[in-house]
């Protein structure tokens, strides 16, 4: 995600399937990508076409995880693509931001790239005991054993409710989401209602994802959305009202995948970010600034 502004939008709510193929049980595959062509970020390098277990879209850089090794491609602003030696093995999680990158290894956060706002100046508390990471434009979150959230960069506040018992985190443009006891916690900017959690999301929620100025939650296979709707990003299409397995919020669009591996996208489509160039079944998704990524067991498989 970035501060890029757009003057118009073509809204899309598409469900791209592979003719009712069975659900993908894959956990390792290759990257497929679509959307903005800037810096070739939507052209995965050959190494990213096999053996990938996770993908994360940033503003102009994408990360992938391959056998514990971090791969990076796209723009190399601030050295975002220059993987530190510590992130070439043993990494369990990745998170790509606005020219800054995060990795998690043995409970310790590794950071590199843009540090204009302290995004890569890590608090001492994230050197051990970390179980999850998330980053956005200019701030980052870490989740520690016991459910304590740590925040750094432009936003460092963590409410009392998010200092224990949290099980999932997601950093947005200038707001954050967390999951605690199946209920959604939100704090930070609320200019567009992105931190005003809708009724009904105090229990039973299994995932959260914060976009730039909007928020998503997944409950019983259904996506809930709130916040800014300038590109219809909070108007959940029928395809995302049931059987959704995972979802990710981008700058002004969203990408989800269903239990059968189908891809569902909606919101901004300025440069094709909501128009997949391939089909499922996929087993993971990530939405960036104006681009989208998914993992597919065989990226070259025909639809």
Protein backbone atom coordinates (compact mmCIF):
# COMPACT_ATOMS: atom_id res chain seq x y z
CA UNK A 1 0.00 0.00 0.00
CA UNK A 2 1.10 3.59 -0.58
CA UNK A 3 -0.15 7.15 -0.62
CA UNK A 4 -0.93 6.95 -4.34
CA UNK A 5 -4.22 8.67 -5.20
CA UNK A 6 -6.51 7.86 -8.12
CA UNK A 7 -9.00 10.00 -10.00
CA UNK A 8 -11.37 7.29 -11.13
CA UNK A 9 -12.21 3.65 -10.63
CA UNK A 10 -13.71 0.67 -12.36
CA UNK A 11 -15.34 -1.44 -9.70
CA UNK A 12 -15.10 -5.19 -10.01
CA UNK A 13 -16.60 -8.10 -8.10
CA UNK A 14 -15.35 -11.21 -9.84
CA UNK A 15 -15.27 -14.86 -8.91
CA UNK A 16 -12.68 -16.65 -11.00
CA UNK A 17 -13.02 -20.40 -10.84
CA UNK A 18 -11.55 -23.34 -12.62
CA UNK A 19 -14.82 -24.97 -13.54
CA UNK A 20 -15.66 -26.34 -10.10
CA UNK A 21 -12.36 -28.03 -9.46
CA UNK A 22 -12.13 -29.61 -6.04
CA UNK A 23 -10.65 -27.60 -3.20
CA UNK A 24 -6.89 -27.28 -3.32
CA UNK A 25 -5.15 -29.07 -0.48
CA UNK A 26 -1.82 -27.54 -1.52
CA UNK A 27 0.35 -25.62 0.89
CA UNK A 28 3.30 -25.19 -1.48
CA UNK A 29 3.13 -23.74 -4.98
CA UNK A 30 3.99 -20.72 -7.09
CA UNK A 31 3.04 -17.07 -7.29
CA UNK A 32 0.49 -15.69 -9.73
CA UNK A 33 0.07 -11.92 -9.90
CA UNK A 34 -1.97 -9.27 -11.66
CA UNK A 35 -2.48 -5.50 -11.57
CA UNK A 36 0.01 -2.65 -11.97
CA UNK A 37 3.07 -3.45 -14.08
CA UNK A 38 5.32 -0.89 -12.34
CA UNK A 39 8.80 -2.22 -11.54
CA UNK A 40 7.71 -5.64 -12.86
CA UNK A 41 6.20 -6.33 -9.45
CA UNK A 42 3.45 -8.43 -11.05
CA UNK A 43 6.00 -10.52 -12.92
CA UNK A 44 7.15 -13.12 -10.38
CA UNK A 45 10.77 -14.19 -10.90
CA UNK A 46 11.44 -17.82 -11.86
CA UNK A 47 12.40 -18.69 -8.28
CA UNK A 48 8.92 -17.67 -7.13
CA UNK A 49 7.11 -20.15 -9.36
CA UNK A 50 7.79 -23.22 -7.23
CA UNK A 51 8.27 -24.10 -3.59
CA UNK A 52 6.51 -20.99 -2.22
CA UNK A 53 4.57 -21.19 1.04
CA UNK A 54 3.68 -17.50 1.59
CA UNK A 55 3.42 -14.27 -0.41
CA UNK A 56 3.11 -10.65 0.76
CA UNK A 57 2.36 -7.61 -1.39
CA UNK A 58 3.78 -4.23 -0.43
CA UNK A 59 3.62 -0.90 -2.25
CA UNK A 60 6.17 -1.60 -4.99
CA UNK A 61 7.89 -4.72 -3.68
CA UNK A 62 6.58 -8.25 -3.20
CA UNK A 63 7.97 -10.91 -0.88
CA UNK A 64 7.68 -14.68 -1.03
CA UNK A 65 8.81 -17.41 1.35
CA UNK A 66 10.57 -20.44 -0.06
CA UNK A 67 11.88 -23.08 2.30
CA UNK A 68 12.50 -20.49 4.99
CA UNK A 69 14.27 -18.14 2.56
CA UNK A 70 12.84 -14.72 1.68
CA UNK A 71 12.57 -13.75 -1.99
CA UNK A 72 11.92 -10.15 -3.08
CA UNK A 73 11.19 -8.46 -6.40
CA UNK A 74 9.86 -5.19 -7.78
CA UNK A 75 11.31 -1.78 -6.94
CA UNK A 76 14.49 -1.71 -4.89
CA UNK A 77 13.83 1.68 -3.31
CA UNK A 78 15.64 1.95 0.03
CA UNK A 79 17.11 -1.51 -0.50
CA UNK A 80 13.77 -3.27 -0.12
CA UNK A 81 14.96 -6.14 -2.33
CA UNK A 82 18.30 -6.57 -0.59
CA UNK A 83 17.59 -9.52 1.68
CA UNK A 84 19.69 -9.50 4.84
CA UNK A 85 21.69 -12.64 5.51
CA UNK A 86 19.55 -13.46 8.53
CA UNK A 87 16.48 -13.74 6.28
CA UNK A 88 17.94 -16.27 3.88
CA UNK A 89 17.03 -19.27 6.05
CA UNK A 90 14.74 -20.25 8.90
CA UNK A 91 12.11 -17.54 8.28
CA UNK A 92 8.52 -18.46 9.17
CA UNK A 93 6.58 -15.30 8.23
CA UNK A 94 6.94 -12.28 5.92
CA UNK A 95 5.28 -8.87 5.63
CA UNK A 96 5.90 -6.27 2.92
CA UNK A 97 5.20 -2.56 3.48
CA UNK A 98 5.96 0.81 1.86
CA UNK A 99 9.54 0.15 0.85
CA UNK A 100 10.25 -1.61 4.15
CA UNK A 101 10.10 -5.32 4.78
CA UNK A 102 9.69 -7.63 7.75
CA UNK A 103 10.48 -11.26 8.41
CA UNK A 104 10.00 -13.46 11.46
CA UNK A 105 12.67 -15.96 12.44
CA UNK A 106 12.78 -17.98 15.64
CA UNK A 107 10.54 -15.47 17.39
CA UNK A 108 12.65 -12.47 16.34
CA UNK A 109 11.63 -9.74 13.89
CA UNK A 110 14.04 -8.85 11.07
CA UNK A 111 13.52 -5.55 9.23
CA UNK A 112 15.13 -3.79 6.27
CA UNK A 113 14.42 -1.04 3.74
CA UNK A 114 12.81 2.36 4.21
CA UNK A 115 13.25 3.81 7.69
CA UNK A 116 11.94 7.34 7.20
CA UNK A 117 9.50 6.92 10.07
CA UNK A 118 11.25 4.27 12.13
CA UNK A 119 9.68 1.34 10.32
CA UNK A 120 12.88 -0.67 10.54
CA UNK A 121 14.02 0.64 13.94
CA UNK A 122 12.80 -2.31 15.94
CA UNK A 123 11.73 -2.11 19.59
CA UNK A 124 13.80 -4.30 21.89
CA UNK A 125 10.67 -6.26 22.75
CA UNK A 126 10.42 -7.82 19.26
CA UNK A 127 13.81 -9.53 19.48
CA UNK A 128 12.21 -12.63 21.01
CA UNK A 129 8.86 -14.25 21.69
CA UNK A 130 7.11 -12.92 18.58
CA UNK A 131 4.52 -15.19 16.93
CA UNK A 132 3.10 -12.92 14.18
CA UNK A 133 3.97 -9.77 12.21
CA UNK A 134 2.06 -7.26 10.09
CA UNK A 135 3.03 -4.03 8.38
CA UNK A 136 1.50 -1.29 6.29
CA UNK A 137 2.55 2.12 5.00
CA UNK A 138 4.56 3.55 7.85
CA UNK A 139 3.96 1.45 10.92
CA UNK A 140 4.20 -2.19 11.91
CA UNK A 141 2.78 -4.62 14.44
CA UNK A 142 4.13 -7.69 16.17
CA UNK A 143 2.23 -10.18 18.28
CA UNK A 144 4.04 -11.78 21.20
CA UNK A 145 3.43 -14.97 23.12
CA UNK A 146 0.57 -14.31 25.51
CA UNK A 147 -1.21 -12.02 23.09
CA UNK A 148 0.61 -8.70 23.60
CA UNK A 149 0.64 -6.38 20.56
CA UNK A 150 3.71 -4.20 19.91
CA UNK A 151 3.55 -1.26 17.48
CA UNK A 152 6.30 0.93 15.98
CA UNK A 153 6.79 3.47 13.22
CA UNK A 154 4.32 6.35 12.91
CA UNK A 155 1.80 4.65 15.20
CA UNK A 156 3.02 3.22 18.51
CA UNK A 157 -0.14 3.20 20.63
CA UNK A 158 -1.63 -0.10 21.76
CA UNK A 159 -4.89 -0.07 23.76
CA UNK A 160 -5.13 -1.97 27.02
CA UNK A 161 -7.43 -4.55 25.43
CA UNK A 162 -4.68 -5.46 22.93
CA UNK A 163 -1.99 -6.04 25.54
CA UNK A 164 -3.01 -9.61 26.28
CA UNK A 165 -5.05 -12.41 24.75
CA UNK A 166 -4.75 -11.26 21.11
CA UNK A 167 -4.49 -14.05 18.53
CA UNK A 168 -4.23 -12.16 15.21
CA UNK A 169 -3.11 -8.71 14.03
CA UNK A 170 -3.35 -6.56 10.91
CA UNK A 171 -1.84 -3.12 10.28
CA UNK A 172 -3.75 -0.68 8.07
CA UNK A 173 -2.94 2.75 6.68
CA UNK A 174 -3.22 4.49 10.05
CA UNK A 175 -5.38 2.05 11.98
CA UNK A 176 -5.04 -1.48 13.29
CA UNK A 177 -7.18 -4.56 13.73
CA UNK A 178 -6.72 -7.42 16.16
CA UNK A 179 -8.60 -10.56 17.07
CA UNK A 180 -9.25 -11.45 20.71
CA UNK A 181 -11.54 -14.21 21.96
CA UNK A 182 -13.10 -14.30 18.50
CA UNK A 183 -13.97 -10.59 18.61
CA UNK A 184 -12.52 -7.73 16.57
CA UNK A 185 -10.53 -4.95 18.23
CA UNK A 186 -9.78 -1.78 16.25
CA UNK A 187 -7.88 1.41 17.03
CA UNK A 188 -6.24 4.35 15.29
CA UNK A 189 -7.65 6.64 12.63
CA UNK A 190 -11.42 6.49 12.27
CA UNK A 191 -11.98 9.19 9.64
CA UNK A 192 -14.03 6.82 7.49
CA UNK A 193 -15.32 4.54 10.23
CA UNK A 194 -12.57 2.00 9.64
CA UNK A 195 -12.09 1.59 13.40
CA UNK A 196 -15.81 1.38 14.22
CA UNK A 197 -16.40 -2.35 14.40
CA UNK A 198 -19.86 -3.41 13.17
CA UNK A 199 -22.24 -5.18 15.50
CA UNK A 200 -22.03 -8.94 15.31
CA UNK A 201 -18.24 -9.12 15.17
CA UNK A 202 -17.65 -9.52 18.90
CA UNK A 203 -17.42 -13.30 18.60
CA UNK A 204 -16.91 -16.05 16.05
CA UNK A 205 -14.47 -14.09 13.87
CA UNK A 206 -11.57 -16.12 12.49
CA UNK A 207 -9.52 -13.52 10.58
CA UNK A 208 -9.08 -9.76 10.16
CA UNK A 209 -7.40 -7.62 7.51
CA UNK A 210 -6.90 -3.85 7.49
CA UNK A 211 -6.70 -1.89 4.24
CA UNK A 212 -5.61 1.71 3.85
CA UNK A 213 -8.89 3.19 5.08
CA UNK A 214 -11.15 0.15 5.30
CA UNK A 215 -11.35 -3.07 7.29
CA UNK A 216 -12.34 -6.69 6.75
CA UNK A 217 -13.29 -9.59 8.98
CA UNK A 218 -14.05 -13.22 8.23
CA UNK A 219 -16.77 -15.01 10.19
CA UNK A 220 -18.30 -18.39 9.38
CA UNK A 221 -16.97 -18.16 5.85
CA UNK A 222 -18.48 -14.72 5.24
CA UNK A 223 -16.55 -11.50 4.66
CA UNK A 224 -17.64 -8.35 6.54
CA UNK A 225 -16.32 -4.95 5.46
CA UNK A 226 -16.49 -1.41 6.83
CA UNK A 227 -14.77 1.95 6.44
CA UNK A 228 -14.10 3.98 3.32
CA UNK A 229 -16.09 2.94 0.27
CA UNK A 230 -14.84 5.29 -2.46
CA UNK A 231 -14.05 2.34 -4.72
CA UNK A 232 -16.84 0.07 -3.41
CA UNK A 233 -14.25 -1.86 -1.43
CA UNK A 234 -16.66 -2.34 1.48
CA UNK A 235 -19.50 -3.60 -0.72
CA UNK A 236 -18.99 -7.32 -0.30
CA UNK A 237 -20.06 -9.25 -3.43
CA UNK A 238 -22.34 -12.28 -3.18
CA UNK A 239 -19.42 -14.59 -3.93
CA UNK A 240 -17.73 -13.52 -0.69
CA UNK A 241 -20.75 -14.07 1.56
CA UNK A 242 -20.13 -17.79 2.05
CA UNK A 243 -17.41 -20.44 1.91
CA UNK A 244 -14.53 -17.96 2.06
CA UNK A 245 -11.30 -19.46 3.43
CA UNK A 246 -9.09 -16.36 3.46
CA UNK A 247 -9.14 -12.64 2.61
CA UNK A 248 -6.70 -9.75 2.36
CA UNK A 249 -7.37 -6.01 2.12
CA UNK A 250 -5.25 -3.89 -0.21
CA UNK A 251 -5.07 -0.15 -0.69
CA UNK A 252 -8.56 0.18 -2.19
CA UNK A 253 -9.43 -3.39 -3.19
CA UNK A 254 -9.72 -6.84 -1.65
CA UNK A 255 -8.75 -10.37 -2.63
CA UNK A 256 -10.31 -13.49 -1.13
CA UNK A 257 -10.23 -17.18 -1.88
CA UNK A 258 -12.93 -19.74 -1.25
CA UNK A 259 -12.82 -23.22 0.21
CA UNK A 260 -12.82 -24.67 -3.32
CA UNK A 261 -9.86 -22.46 -4.29
CA UNK A 262 -11.80 -19.89 -6.33
CA UNK A 263 -10.51 -16.30 -6.37
CA UNK A 264 -12.87 -13.43 -5.47
CA UNK A 265 -11.83 -9.78 -5.93
CA UNK A 266 -13.63 -6.46 -5.59
CA UNK A 267 -13.02 -2.73 -5.24
CA UNK A 268 -10.61 -0.57 -7.24
CA UNK A 269 -9.63 -1.86 -10.65
CA UNK A 270 -7.59 1.06 -11.97
CA UNK A 271 -4.81 -1.09 -13.40
CA UNK A 272 -6.42 -4.52 -13.37
CA UNK A 273 -5.84 -5.28 -9.69
CA UNK A 274 -9.36 -6.73 -9.52
CA UNK A 275 -9.10 -8.63 -12.82
CA UNK A 276 -7.21 -11.90 -12.25
CA UNK A 277 -5.21 -13.19 -15.19
CA UNK A 278 -5.43 -16.77 -13.99
CA UNK A 279 -7.83 -19.04 -12.15
CA UNK A 280 -7.88 -21.20 -9.06
CA UNK A 281 -7.61 -23.31 -7.15
CA UNK A 282 -5.39 -21.10 -5.00
CA UNK A 283 -4.48 -21.54 -1.35
CA UNK A 284 -3.36 -18.03 -0.31
CA UNK A 285 -3.86 -14.42 -1.41
CA UNK A 286 -2.30 -11.01 -0.80
CA UNK A 287 -3.54 -7.58 -1.93
CA UNK A 288 -1.15 -4.64 -2.33
CA UNK A 289 -1.31 -1.07 -3.55
CA UNK A 290 -2.73 -1.65 -7.04
CA UNK A 291 -1.73 -5.26 -7.43
CA UNK A 292 -2.82 -8.71 -6.30
CA UNK A 293 -1.07 -12.00 -5.62
CA UNK A 294 -2.10 -15.60 -5.02
CA UNK A 295 -0.41 -18.94 -4.53
CA UNK A 296 -1.34 -21.82 -6.79
CA UNK A 297 0.04 -25.33 -6.70
CA UNK A 298 0.92 -25.12 -10.40
CA UNK A 299 0.86 -21.52 -11.70
CA UNK A 300 1.00 -22.77 -15.29
CA UNK A 301 -2.00 -25.09 -14.97
CA UNK A 302 -4.74 -24.23 -17.49
CA UNK A 303 -8.18 -23.16 -16.37
